[in-house]
Amino acid sequence: MPLTSFTQGDLVISTVSSFNGGGLDTAAPIVLQQLQLGAGGTSATLNGSLTLPQTSSGNNSAISGEYGSASEGILQRSVNGQYLTIMGYGVNAATFNSAPLSTYGTAALGQTTSLTAANQTGTPVTTVARVVALIGANASVDTSTALTGVFNTNNPRSVVTVDGSSFYVAGQASSKTDPTQGVFYAIRGATTATAIDTSTDARVVSIFNTGSGNQLYVSRDQNPPGSGGQNFTNVSSLANASGNLPTSSAGLVSTHITPPASPLSLGGNNGSINVTANTENGINNSRLGSFVYLSPESYFFASPNVLYVADSGQPKNGNVDKAALGDGGLQKWELINNTWTLEYVLYNGLNLVNNDALDLAGNTTTTPGVTGLLGLTGQVMADGTVELFATSYGLNELSPSFLYEITDNLDFSTVAQASSESFTTLFAADAGTSIRGVAFAPSSVPEPASLPLVGAALLALVVSRKRSQRT
C-alpha cells in the first residue's frame, strides 16, 4: 500500500532490492517501509511503503541506492521530529544499470564520481551527485540537495538535520587521504557542501541533546596514514569553539567518546577493548583477556550517561583470527567518572556468526549470516526501560536481513543483570532485499526545540499510549 502520510509511533525502515535482476553494486530504488508495532513492541505489521523518486522534477533529483553496499542507507528522524533523512545517488536506477561503461566509468554505483567534469582527470564521465532525501510526515520528498565534490567514488552513508533547513552528511571517499571523505555541512537545496572534518571517512552522523543543547556526533572506523599510531575507531563529538553545532572546520573540537583514547604505550590499540566476561559477544570468547577492535555504526543516547552503540562486528583493523573478530551486537556504554565504559554487549537472539571464520582448508568462509548491527533507534520508557530497534549487519551482501527489538533496563550495569534480555525478530526481508536504517515515523507537529533527553521518558510514555490505543 503506497504511503500518503506516516503514522506517529510507527517504525520506518529503509530497504533496497535487486532491481530488474541487477546484481551486486548495481543501482536500485530506495523503498521506505512503515511498520505498525504491536503491544509491547514485540511484533510488527507492514503499514504502507514509499518509493523515493526515480525521476528528476524541477529542483528535485532522482535518488537511488546501491544494492550490495552494506554501509549506506542509514535512516534518521530530524531533531524536531518532522522529517526523515537518508542519502543516496542522484541517478535513475534503470538508466544507470543499462548505460554503457563509458557513461559513468564504472558499473558499480558506489564507485561513480561526484566530481564535476572540470575537477575530473582524464576523459570526463557523468557526474553522480550524492543526494539528500528529506521526507515529510505527509510523505512528501525533497531531493533538491544534490551535492557534488563529496564522497567521490564511494558511499554517502548518513545525513541528519535539526529542522530540514540544513544538513550534516557523512561518508567515505576514494582513499584514506581523499578530502571528499568525512563530515560536511550543506544548506537545503545546495549543490556543494562545507567541510567539517575530512581527517577520516565517517559512518553515522547524528545530533543529540544530552542537556546542554544540540551536539553533533559521528561514528567511524579508520586508521588514517600519518596518525602516529592513533586509531580513529570511535564515536566522537564535533563542536565549534563555543561548544555548539559547527558549520565549518574553523575552531573544530573533536572529542573521542567511545572508546576513550588510550596511551600509545599500551600498544597503540586505540579503537579497541579488552574482552572480558562482561564484554564478550559469544563469538569472540577466544579473545578473553586480550583485545578486539570495535566497528561502531549507529548509536542512541538513552540519557546523558548511557549510550547504546550498534556494532557491525566487522572492524577494518586487526589480523586474521585475532582482533579482527570484533565485538558485534548492541553495546551499552556508561559515563563513569568522566570516562565512557563498556558495561556489556547484548547479542542473545541475533545468532551471530564469526566474521573471520575459517573452513577446514583455512579459507575464510562466505556463508551468509549476521555479524552485528547497523541501524539503531530507541525510546526511554516511563518504567525506566529502554526499548531499542536495530537492523542487522551481514557477513556478506547475500546475508539475510532483519529488524530486531530488545528492551534493556536503563539501570542495569552488568551482563548478569541483563542475562534474560534477548532480541526479537520483528521483520525479515525477502531474499534479494536488504534492510538498512530504522527510525520512528515523522510527525506533522514539531517537538519542542532542542528537547533534552531528560524529557524523553515523558515523550515515550505518550508514544506508548498511542501505540496501545492502535492495537
Protein backbone atom coordinates (compact mmCIF):
# COMPACT_ATOMS: atom_id res chain seq x y z
CA MET A 1 0.00 0.00 0.00
CA PRO A 2 1.58 3.33 -1.06
CA LEU A 3 2.00 5.78 1.81
CA THR A 4 0.25 9.13 1.69
CA SER A 5 1.26 10.04 5.24
CA PHE A 6 3.16 8.50 8.12
CA THR A 7 1.62 7.32 11.38
CA GLN A 8 3.21 8.69 14.53
CA GLY A 9 4.61 5.90 16.71
CA ASP A 10 5.21 3.54 13.79
CA LEU A 11 8.68 2.45 12.74
CA VAL A 12 10.14 3.08 9.29
CA ILE A 13 12.91 1.02 7.70
CA SER A 14 14.90 1.76 4.54
CA THR A 15 15.38 -1.05 2.03
CA VAL A 16 16.96 -1.74 -1.36
CA SER A 17 16.37 -4.78 -3.55
CA SER A 18 17.96 -6.41 -6.55
CA PHE A 19 16.41 -4.29 -9.30
CA ASN A 20 15.21 -5.91 -12.52
CA GLY A 21 17.59 -8.80 -11.97
CA GLY A 22 20.55 -6.50 -11.33
CA GLY A 23 23.48 -7.93 -9.42
CA LEU A 24 25.58 -6.61 -6.56
CA ASP A 25 26.76 -2.98 -6.72
CA THR A 26 24.01 -2.01 -9.17
CA ALA A 27 21.53 0.82 -8.68
CA ALA A 28 18.16 0.20 -7.03
CA PRO A 29 15.22 2.32 -5.88
CA ILE A 30 15.17 3.15 -2.16
CA VAL A 31 11.95 1.99 -0.53
CA LEU A 32 10.81 3.11 2.92
CA GLN A 33 8.53 0.61 4.63
CA GLN A 34 6.34 1.62 7.58
CA LEU A 35 5.72 -0.93 10.33
CA GLN A 36 2.97 -0.75 12.91
CA LEU A 37 4.16 -2.06 16.26
CA GLY A 38 2.06 -4.42 18.34
CA ALA A 39 1.58 -4.17 22.08
CA GLY A 40 4.91 -4.15 23.87
CA GLY A 41 6.77 -3.56 20.61
CA THR A 42 7.49 -7.27 20.12
CA SER A 43 5.65 -7.63 16.80
CA ALA A 44 5.33 -5.52 13.68
CA THR A 45 2.99 -5.39 10.70
CA LEU A 46 3.62 -3.68 7.37
CA ASN A 47 1.63 -0.46 7.18
CA GLY A 48 2.50 1.04 3.79
CA SER A 49 5.59 1.84 1.72
CA LEU A 50 7.12 4.83 -0.05
CA THR A 51 9.49 4.56 -3.01
CA LEU A 52 11.77 7.58 -3.24
CA PRO A 53 11.71 9.46 -6.58
CA GLN A 54 13.31 7.77 -9.57
CA THR A 55 12.89 10.79 -11.84
CA SER A 56 14.03 14.39 -11.59
CA SER A 57 11.40 17.11 -11.34
CA GLY A 58 12.16 20.80 -11.11
CA ASN A 59 14.89 21.25 -8.50
CA ASN A 60 14.41 17.71 -7.23
CA SER A 61 16.77 14.96 -8.29
CA ALA A 62 16.23 11.25 -8.82
CA ILE A 63 17.71 9.19 -5.99
CA SER A 64 18.86 5.56 -5.88
CA GLY A 65 20.75 3.27 -3.55
CA GLU A 66 23.40 0.66 -4.27
CA TYR A 67 22.25 -2.93 -3.88
CA GLY A 68 25.03 -4.79 -2.10
CA SER A 69 26.58 -1.89 -0.22
CA ALA A 70 26.29 -2.62 3.49
CA SER A 71 27.49 0.76 4.72
CA GLU A 72 24.85 3.16 3.35
CA GLY A 73 21.11 3.72 3.72
CA ILE A 74 21.07 4.98 7.33
CA LEU A 75 17.64 6.46 8.08
CA GLN A 76 17.23 9.14 10.76
CA ARG A 77 14.50 11.32 12.18
CA SER A 78 15.10 15.07 12.41
CA VAL A 79 15.69 16.66 15.79
CA ASN A 80 12.31 18.43 15.60
CA GLY A 81 10.61 15.13 14.71
CA GLN A 82 9.03 16.37 11.48
CA TYR A 83 11.25 14.67 8.90
CA LEU A 84 13.18 11.59 7.94
CA THR A 85 16.52 11.85 6.14
CA ILE A 86 18.53 9.42 4.03
CA MET A 87 21.32 9.75 1.45
CA GLY A 88 21.62 8.21 -2.00
CA TYR A 89 22.90 8.78 -5.52
CA GLY A 90 21.39 11.25 -7.98
CA VAL A 91 20.52 8.87 -10.78
CA ASN A 92 17.63 6.77 -12.07
CA ALA A 93 18.37 3.12 -11.32
CA ALA A 94 17.34 1.74 -14.73
CA THR A 95 19.27 4.45 -16.56
CA PHE A 96 22.44 3.70 -14.62
CA ASN A 97 22.21 -0.08 -14.92
CA SER A 98 21.65 -0.01 -18.68
CA ALA A 99 24.28 2.60 -19.52
CA PRO A 100 27.49 1.64 -21.34
CA LEU A 101 30.59 1.56 -19.13
CA SER A 102 31.93 4.73 -20.72
CA THR A 103 28.99 6.81 -19.45
CA TYR A 104 29.81 6.60 -15.75
CA GLY A 105 33.25 4.98 -15.93
CA THR A 106 32.10 2.07 -13.75
CA ALA A 107 29.31 -0.47 -13.44
CA ALA A 108 29.28 -0.09 -9.64
CA LEU A 109 27.06 2.75 -8.42
CA GLY A 110 29.17 3.41 -5.32
CA GLN A 111 32.29 3.89 -7.45
CA THR A 112 30.82 6.71 -9.55
CA THR A 113 32.46 10.11 -9.36
CA SER A 114 30.83 13.01 -7.55
CA LEU A 115 33.32 15.45 -9.08
CA THR A 116 32.14 17.81 -11.78
CA ALA A 117 33.80 17.48 -15.21
CA ALA A 118 36.07 20.46 -14.52
CA ASN A 119 37.51 18.68 -11.47
CA GLN A 120 37.97 15.24 -13.07
CA THR A 121 41.21 13.98 -14.58
CA GLY A 122 41.37 12.20 -17.91
CA THR A 123 38.30 11.74 -20.07
CA PRO A 124 35.31 13.15 -18.15
CA VAL A 125 32.46 10.82 -17.21
CA THR A 126 28.95 11.61 -15.98
CA THR A 127 28.87 13.15 -12.52
CA VAL A 128 26.60 11.44 -9.99
CA ALA A 129 25.68 13.78 -7.17
CA ARG A 130 25.29 12.46 -3.62
CA VAL A 131 21.69 13.36 -2.79
CA VAL A 132 19.88 14.11 0.47
CA ALA A 133 16.25 12.98 0.67
CA LEU A 134 14.13 14.95 3.14
CA ILE A 135 10.86 13.14 3.79
CA GLY A 136 7.95 14.88 5.50
CA ALA A 137 5.18 13.48 7.68
CA ASN A 138 2.81 13.78 4.69
CA ALA A 139 5.15 11.53 2.64
CA SER A 140 6.48 14.49 0.65
CA VAL A 141 10.04 14.02 -0.60
CA ASP A 142 12.53 16.85 -1.21
CA THR A 143 15.69 15.80 -3.10
CA SER A 144 16.84 19.28 -4.05
CA THR A 145 20.09 18.93 -2.09
CA ALA A 146 22.27 17.19 -4.70
CA LEU A 147 25.90 17.54 -3.68
CA THR A 148 28.97 17.31 -5.88
CA GLY A 149 32.52 17.03 -4.55
CA VAL A 150 31.67 14.81 -1.59
CA PHE A 151 32.31 11.05 -1.12
CA ASN A 152 33.97 10.73 -4.51
CA THR A 153 33.90 7.15 -5.88
CA ASN A 154 32.45 5.88 -2.61
CA ASN A 155 29.41 5.71 -0.36
CA PRO A 156 27.25 8.51 1.07
CA ARG A 157 26.41 6.89 4.38
CA SER A 158 24.24 9.13 6.54
CA VAL A 159 22.60 12.52 6.95
CA VAL A 160 21.00 14.31 9.87
CA THR A 161 19.10 17.58 10.24
CA VAL A 162 17.65 19.71 13.02
CA ASP A 163 14.65 21.09 11.13
CA GLY A 164 15.13 20.42 7.41
CA SER A 165 16.81 23.73 6.61
CA SER A 166 20.36 22.38 6.61
CA PHE A 167 22.12 19.03 6.82
CA TYR A 168 25.18 17.24 8.13
CA VAL A 169 26.28 14.45 5.78
CA ALA A 170 28.89 11.72 6.28
CA GLY A 171 30.61 9.20 4.06
CA GLN A 172 33.68 7.61 2.56
CA ALA A 173 35.81 8.59 -0.44
CA SER A 174 38.41 7.08 -2.75
CA SER A 175 41.22 6.81 -0.18
CA LYS A 176 42.13 7.49 3.43
CA THR A 177 43.53 10.88 2.42
CA ASP A 178 40.83 11.97 -0.05
CA PRO A 179 39.45 15.37 1.11
CA THR A 180 35.97 14.44 -0.10
CA GLN A 181 35.61 11.97 2.83
CA GLY A 182 34.27 12.74 6.31
CA VAL A 183 31.59 15.10 7.60
CA PHE A 184 30.19 18.08 5.68
CA TYR A 185 27.55 20.78 6.20
CA ALA A 186 25.07 21.81 3.48
CA ILE A 187 22.14 24.18 3.22
CA ARG A 188 18.90 22.72 1.83
CA GLY A 189 18.93 22.97 -1.95
CA ALA A 190 22.70 23.38 -2.19
CA THR A 191 24.94 21.67 -4.75
CA THR A 192 28.14 21.90 -2.71
CA ALA A 193 28.94 21.36 0.96
CA THR A 194 31.32 22.87 3.51
CA ALA A 195 33.89 20.57 5.08
CA ILE A 196 33.61 19.99 8.84
CA ASP A 197 36.10 17.14 9.35
CA THR A 198 37.83 15.36 6.45
CA SER A 199 40.57 13.69 8.51
CA THR A 200 38.88 10.28 8.25
CA ASP A 201 35.98 8.67 6.49
CA ALA A 202 32.78 8.75 8.51
CA ARG A 203 29.86 6.44 9.14
CA VAL A 204 26.84 7.74 11.06
CA VAL A 205 26.50 11.42 11.84
CA SER A 206 23.78 12.24 14.40
CA ILE A 207 22.56 15.04 16.65
CA PHE A 208 21.56 14.56 20.29
CA ASN A 209 20.78 16.95 23.12
CA THR A 210 22.07 15.47 26.36
CA GLY A 211 21.20 18.55 28.39
CA SER A 212 23.42 21.33 27.03
CA GLY A 213 21.89 21.92 23.61
CA ASN A 214 22.18 20.06 20.33
CA GLN A 215 25.52 18.31 19.84
CA LEU A 216 26.95 16.70 16.70
CA TYR A 217 28.37 13.16 16.87
CA VAL A 218 29.93 10.80 14.34
CA SER A 219 30.99 7.15 14.29
CA ARG A 220 33.99 5.97 12.29
CA ASP A 221 36.36 3.04 11.81
CA GLN A 222 39.63 4.09 10.23
CA ASN A 223 43.36 4.25 10.96
CA PRO A 224 44.48 7.06 8.66
CA PRO A 225 48.07 7.44 7.40
CA GLY A 226 50.27 9.72 9.48
CA SER A 227 48.11 9.37 12.57
CA GLY A 228 51.06 8.40 14.74
CA GLY A 229 49.54 5.05 15.64
CA GLN A 230 46.27 6.58 16.80
CA ASN A 231 43.28 4.58 15.64
CA PHE A 232 40.14 6.52 14.76
CA THR A 233 37.64 3.78 15.54
CA ASN A 234 35.23 5.55 17.82
CA VAL A 235 32.14 7.64 18.39
CA SER A 236 33.23 11.28 18.61
CA SER A 237 31.64 14.63 19.20
CA LEU A 238 32.29 17.50 16.79
CA ALA A 239 31.77 21.04 18.09
CA ASN A 240 32.79 24.58 17.23
CA ALA A 241 34.90 26.67 19.58
CA SER A 242 31.77 27.66 21.52
CA GLY A 243 30.72 24.04 22.02
CA ASN A 244 27.81 24.26 19.58
CA LEU A 245 26.95 22.72 16.21
CA PRO A 246 29.76 23.54 13.75
CA THR A 247 29.11 24.90 10.26
CA SER A 248 32.74 24.74 9.09
CA SER A 249 36.08 23.34 10.19
CA ALA A 250 37.08 26.63 11.85
CA GLY A 251 37.82 26.09 15.55
CA LEU A 252 36.60 22.48 15.37
CA VAL A 253 36.91 20.50 18.60
CA SER A 254 36.78 16.72 18.14
CA THR A 255 36.43 14.57 21.27
CA HIS A 256 36.54 10.76 21.42
CA ILE A 257 33.53 9.44 23.30
CA THR A 258 33.73 5.64 22.98
CA PRO A 259 36.19 4.15 23.45
CA PRO A 260 38.34 6.78 25.19
CA ALA A 261 41.73 7.35 23.60
CA SER A 262 44.34 5.13 25.26
CA PRO A 263 48.09 5.78 25.56
CA LEU A 264 50.28 4.53 22.73
CA SER A 265 52.34 2.85 25.46
CA LEU A 266 49.55 0.25 25.62
CA GLY A 267 50.32 -0.83 22.09
CA GLY A 268 48.51 1.87 20.16
CA ASN A 269 45.30 -0.11 20.12
CA ASN A 270 43.01 2.87 20.29
CA GLY A 271 39.61 1.88 18.97
CA SER A 272 39.77 -1.45 20.77
CA ILE A 273 38.55 -3.00 24.01
CA ASN A 274 39.92 -5.75 26.20
CA VAL A 275 37.45 -8.64 26.08
CA THR A 276 36.06 -9.72 29.44
CA ALA A 277 33.20 -11.97 30.53
CA ASN A 278 31.03 -8.82 30.54
CA THR A 279 32.03 -7.55 27.10
CA GLU A 280 32.25 -10.76 25.01
CA ASN A 281 29.57 -11.47 22.43
CA GLY A 282 29.53 -15.26 22.21
CA ILE A 283 31.78 -15.19 19.14
CA ASN A 284 34.97 -13.54 20.36
CA ASN A 285 35.35 -15.64 23.53
CA SER A 286 38.73 -16.90 22.31
CA ARG A 287 39.99 -13.35 22.85
CA LEU A 288 39.10 -13.19 26.58
CA GLY A 289 41.88 -11.31 28.32
CA SER A 290 43.06 -9.75 25.08
CA PHE A 291 41.79 -7.03 22.77
CA VAL A 292 39.50 -6.77 19.78
CA TYR A 293 38.76 -3.75 17.61
CA LEU A 294 35.34 -2.14 17.52
CA SER A 295 33.28 -1.20 14.48
CA PRO A 296 30.64 1.33 15.58
CA GLU A 297 27.72 2.21 13.31
CA SER A 298 24.52 3.84 14.67
CA TYR A 299 24.08 4.87 18.32
CA PHE A 300 21.44 6.14 20.73
CA PHE A 301 21.80 8.25 23.88
CA ALA A 302 19.26 6.95 26.40
CA SER A 303 20.45 9.54 28.93
CA PRO A 304 23.43 11.89 29.24
CA ASN A 305 25.29 9.00 30.87
CA VAL A 306 24.09 5.94 28.90
CA LEU A 307 24.91 5.32 25.24
CA TYR A 308 23.92 2.31 23.13
CA VAL A 309 26.11 1.55 20.11
CA ALA A 310 25.25 -0.78 17.23
CA ASP A 311 28.49 -2.56 16.27
CA SER A 312 28.75 -4.37 12.92
CA GLY A 313 31.26 -6.91 14.24
CA GLN A 314 33.43 -6.33 11.17
CA PRO A 315 36.27 -3.98 12.11
CA LYS A 316 38.59 -2.69 9.42
CA ASN A 317 41.59 -3.20 11.69
CA GLY A 318 43.13 -6.32 13.19
CA ASN A 319 44.71 -9.53 11.98
CA VAL A 320 43.07 -12.74 10.84
CA ASP A 321 41.61 -14.74 13.76
CA LYS A 322 42.81 -12.18 16.30
CA ALA A 323 41.46 -8.69 16.89
CA ALA A 324 39.50 -8.94 13.63
CA LEU A 325 36.86 -10.98 15.47
CA GLY A 326 35.27 -7.72 16.59
CA ASP A 327 32.53 -7.21 19.17
CA GLY A 328 29.33 -7.19 17.13
CA GLY A 329 25.96 -6.63 18.77
CA LEU A 330 24.43 -3.85 20.83
CA GLN A 331 26.92 -2.33 23.24
CA LYS A 332 25.89 -0.47 26.38
CA TRP A 333 28.30 2.26 27.48
CA GLU A 334 28.06 4.32 30.66
CA LEU A 335 29.82 7.54 31.61
CA ILE A 336 31.63 6.75 34.88
CA ASN A 337 33.97 9.28 36.46
CA ASN A 338 34.06 11.22 33.16
CA THR A 339 35.10 8.11 31.19
CA TRP A 340 32.84 6.14 28.87
CA THR A 341 32.99 2.48 29.92
CA LEU A 342 31.62 -0.55 28.05
CA GLU A 343 29.39 -2.42 30.51
CA TYR A 344 28.05 -5.30 28.41
CA VAL A 345 27.03 -6.42 24.94
CA LEU A 346 23.50 -7.54 24.07
CA TYR A 347 23.53 -10.33 21.48
CA ASN A 348 21.14 -13.12 22.55
CA GLY A 349 18.70 -13.82 19.72
CA LEU A 350 20.95 -12.41 16.98
CA ASN A 351 22.53 -15.80 16.21
CA LEU A 352 25.80 -14.13 15.32
CA VAL A 353 28.38 -15.76 13.08
CA ASN A 354 32.13 -15.25 13.17
CA ASN A 355 33.15 -12.57 10.69
CA ASP A 356 36.54 -14.22 10.40
CA ALA A 357 35.63 -17.93 10.46
CA LEU A 358 37.89 -20.35 8.60
CA ASP A 359 36.86 -23.57 6.92
CA LEU A 360 38.83 -26.83 7.13
CA ALA A 361 41.08 -25.70 4.28
CA GLY A 362 41.95 -22.50 6.14
CA ASN A 363 39.93 -20.25 3.85
CA THR A 364 37.65 -17.52 5.16
CA THR A 365 34.07 -18.71 4.84
CA THR A 366 31.45 -16.79 2.87
CA THR A 367 28.39 -18.48 4.33
CA PRO A 368 25.68 -15.84 4.81
CA GLY A 369 24.95 -14.76 8.37
CA VAL A 370 24.68 -11.85 10.80
CA THR A 371 27.86 -10.45 12.38
CA GLY A 372 26.33 -7.45 14.16
CA LEU A 373 24.07 -4.42 13.80
CA LEU A 374 23.85 -1.36 11.53
CA GLY A 375 20.80 0.86 12.15
CA LEU A 376 19.55 1.81 15.61
CA THR A 377 16.85 3.89 17.25
CA GLY A 378 15.17 3.76 20.63
CA GLN A 379 12.99 5.35 23.26
CA VAL A 380 13.20 5.63 27.03
CA MET A 381 10.02 4.33 28.62
CA ALA A 382 8.32 5.68 31.74
CA ASP A 383 9.13 2.50 33.69
CA GLY A 384 12.88 3.03 33.36
CA THR A 385 13.43 0.61 30.49
CA VAL A 386 14.85 1.42 27.08
CA GLU A 387 13.17 -0.03 24.00
CA LEU A 388 15.64 -0.38 21.15
CA PHE A 389 15.16 -1.25 17.49
CA ALA A 390 18.09 -2.32 15.32
CA THR A 391 18.83 -3.66 11.84
CA SER A 392 21.23 -6.50 11.09
CA TYR A 393 24.68 -6.30 9.51
CA GLY A 394 25.52 -9.25 7.26
CA LEU A 395 28.70 -11.22 6.82
CA ASN A 396 28.34 -10.54 3.10
CA GLU A 397 25.91 -8.97 0.67
CA LEU A 398 23.87 -12.16 0.35
CA SER A 399 23.23 -12.50 4.09
CA PRO A 400 19.64 -12.44 5.41
CA SER A 401 18.43 -9.06 6.64
CA PHE A 402 16.38 -8.41 9.79
CA LEU A 403 14.78 -5.79 12.02
CA TYR A 404 15.06 -6.53 15.76
CA GLU A 405 13.64 -5.25 19.05
CA ILE A 406 15.11 -5.54 22.54
CA THR A 407 14.26 -3.92 25.86
CA ASP A 408 17.02 -3.13 28.35
CA ASN A 409 16.78 -1.79 31.89
CA LEU A 410 18.42 1.64 31.99
CA ASP A 411 19.87 0.94 35.45
CA PHE A 412 21.48 -2.41 34.61
CA SER A 413 25.28 -2.31 34.64
CA THR A 414 26.31 -5.98 34.44
CA VAL A 415 25.76 -8.78 31.99
CA ALA A 416 24.32 -10.89 34.80
CA GLN A 417 21.51 -8.39 35.32
CA ALA A 418 20.74 -8.37 31.58
CA SER A 419 21.12 -12.13 31.09
CA SER A 420 17.41 -12.67 30.34
CA GLU A 421 17.25 -9.93 27.70
CA SER A 422 17.07 -11.17 24.12
CA PHE A 423 16.41 -9.76 20.66
CA THR A 424 13.07 -10.42 19.00
CA THR A 425 12.95 -10.52 15.20
CA LEU A 426 10.21 -8.11 14.13
CA PHE A 427 10.68 -8.30 10.38
CA ALA A 428 12.69 -10.45 7.98
CA ALA A 429 13.37 -9.16 4.48
CA ASP A 430 12.62 -11.23 1.42
CA ALA A 431 15.55 -12.77 -0.44
CA GLY A 432 17.21 -10.14 -2.60
CA THR A 433 16.20 -7.29 -0.25
CA SER A 434 18.42 -5.59 2.31
CA ILE A 435 17.20 -3.62 5.33
CA ARG A 436 19.48 -0.70 6.13
CA GLY A 437 18.24 2.00 8.51
CA VAL A 438 15.45 2.34 11.06
CA ALA A 439 13.75 5.38 12.59
CA PHE A 440 10.46 6.37 14.15
CA ALA A 441 7.94 7.87 11.75
CA PRO A 442 7.95 11.68 11.46
CA SER A 443 5.20 13.81 12.96
CA SER A 444 3.36 16.77 11.47
CA VAL A 445 3.65 18.51 14.85
CA PRO A 446 7.20 19.62 15.73
CA GLU A 447 8.71 18.57 19.03
CA PRO A 448 9.94 21.36 21.32
CA ALA A 449 13.20 22.84 20.05
CA SER A 450 16.30 21.11 21.42
CA LEU A 451 14.28 18.69 23.52
CA PRO A 452 16.79 17.31 26.04
CA LEU A 453 16.95 13.64 26.93
CA VAL A 454 15.65 14.33 30.42
CA GLY A 455 12.24 14.73 28.80
CA ALA A 456 12.49 11.56 26.70
CA ALA A 457 10.66 9.36 29.19
CA LEU A 458 7.58 11.59 29.15
CA LEU A 459 7.59 11.64 25.34
CA ALA A 460 7.98 7.85 25.23
CA LEU A 461 5.02 7.44 27.57
CA VAL A 462 2.82 9.40 25.17
CA VAL A 463 4.02 7.30 22.20
CA SER A 464 3.45 4.10 24.18
CA ARG A 465 -0.11 5.08 24.99
CA LYS A 466 -0.80 5.93 21.34
CA ARG A 467 0.56 2.55 20.30
CA SER A 468 -1.63 0.75 22.80
CA GLN A 469 -4.69 2.57 21.51
CA ARG A 470 -4.00 1.34 17.95
CA THR A 471 -3.50 -2.33 18.76
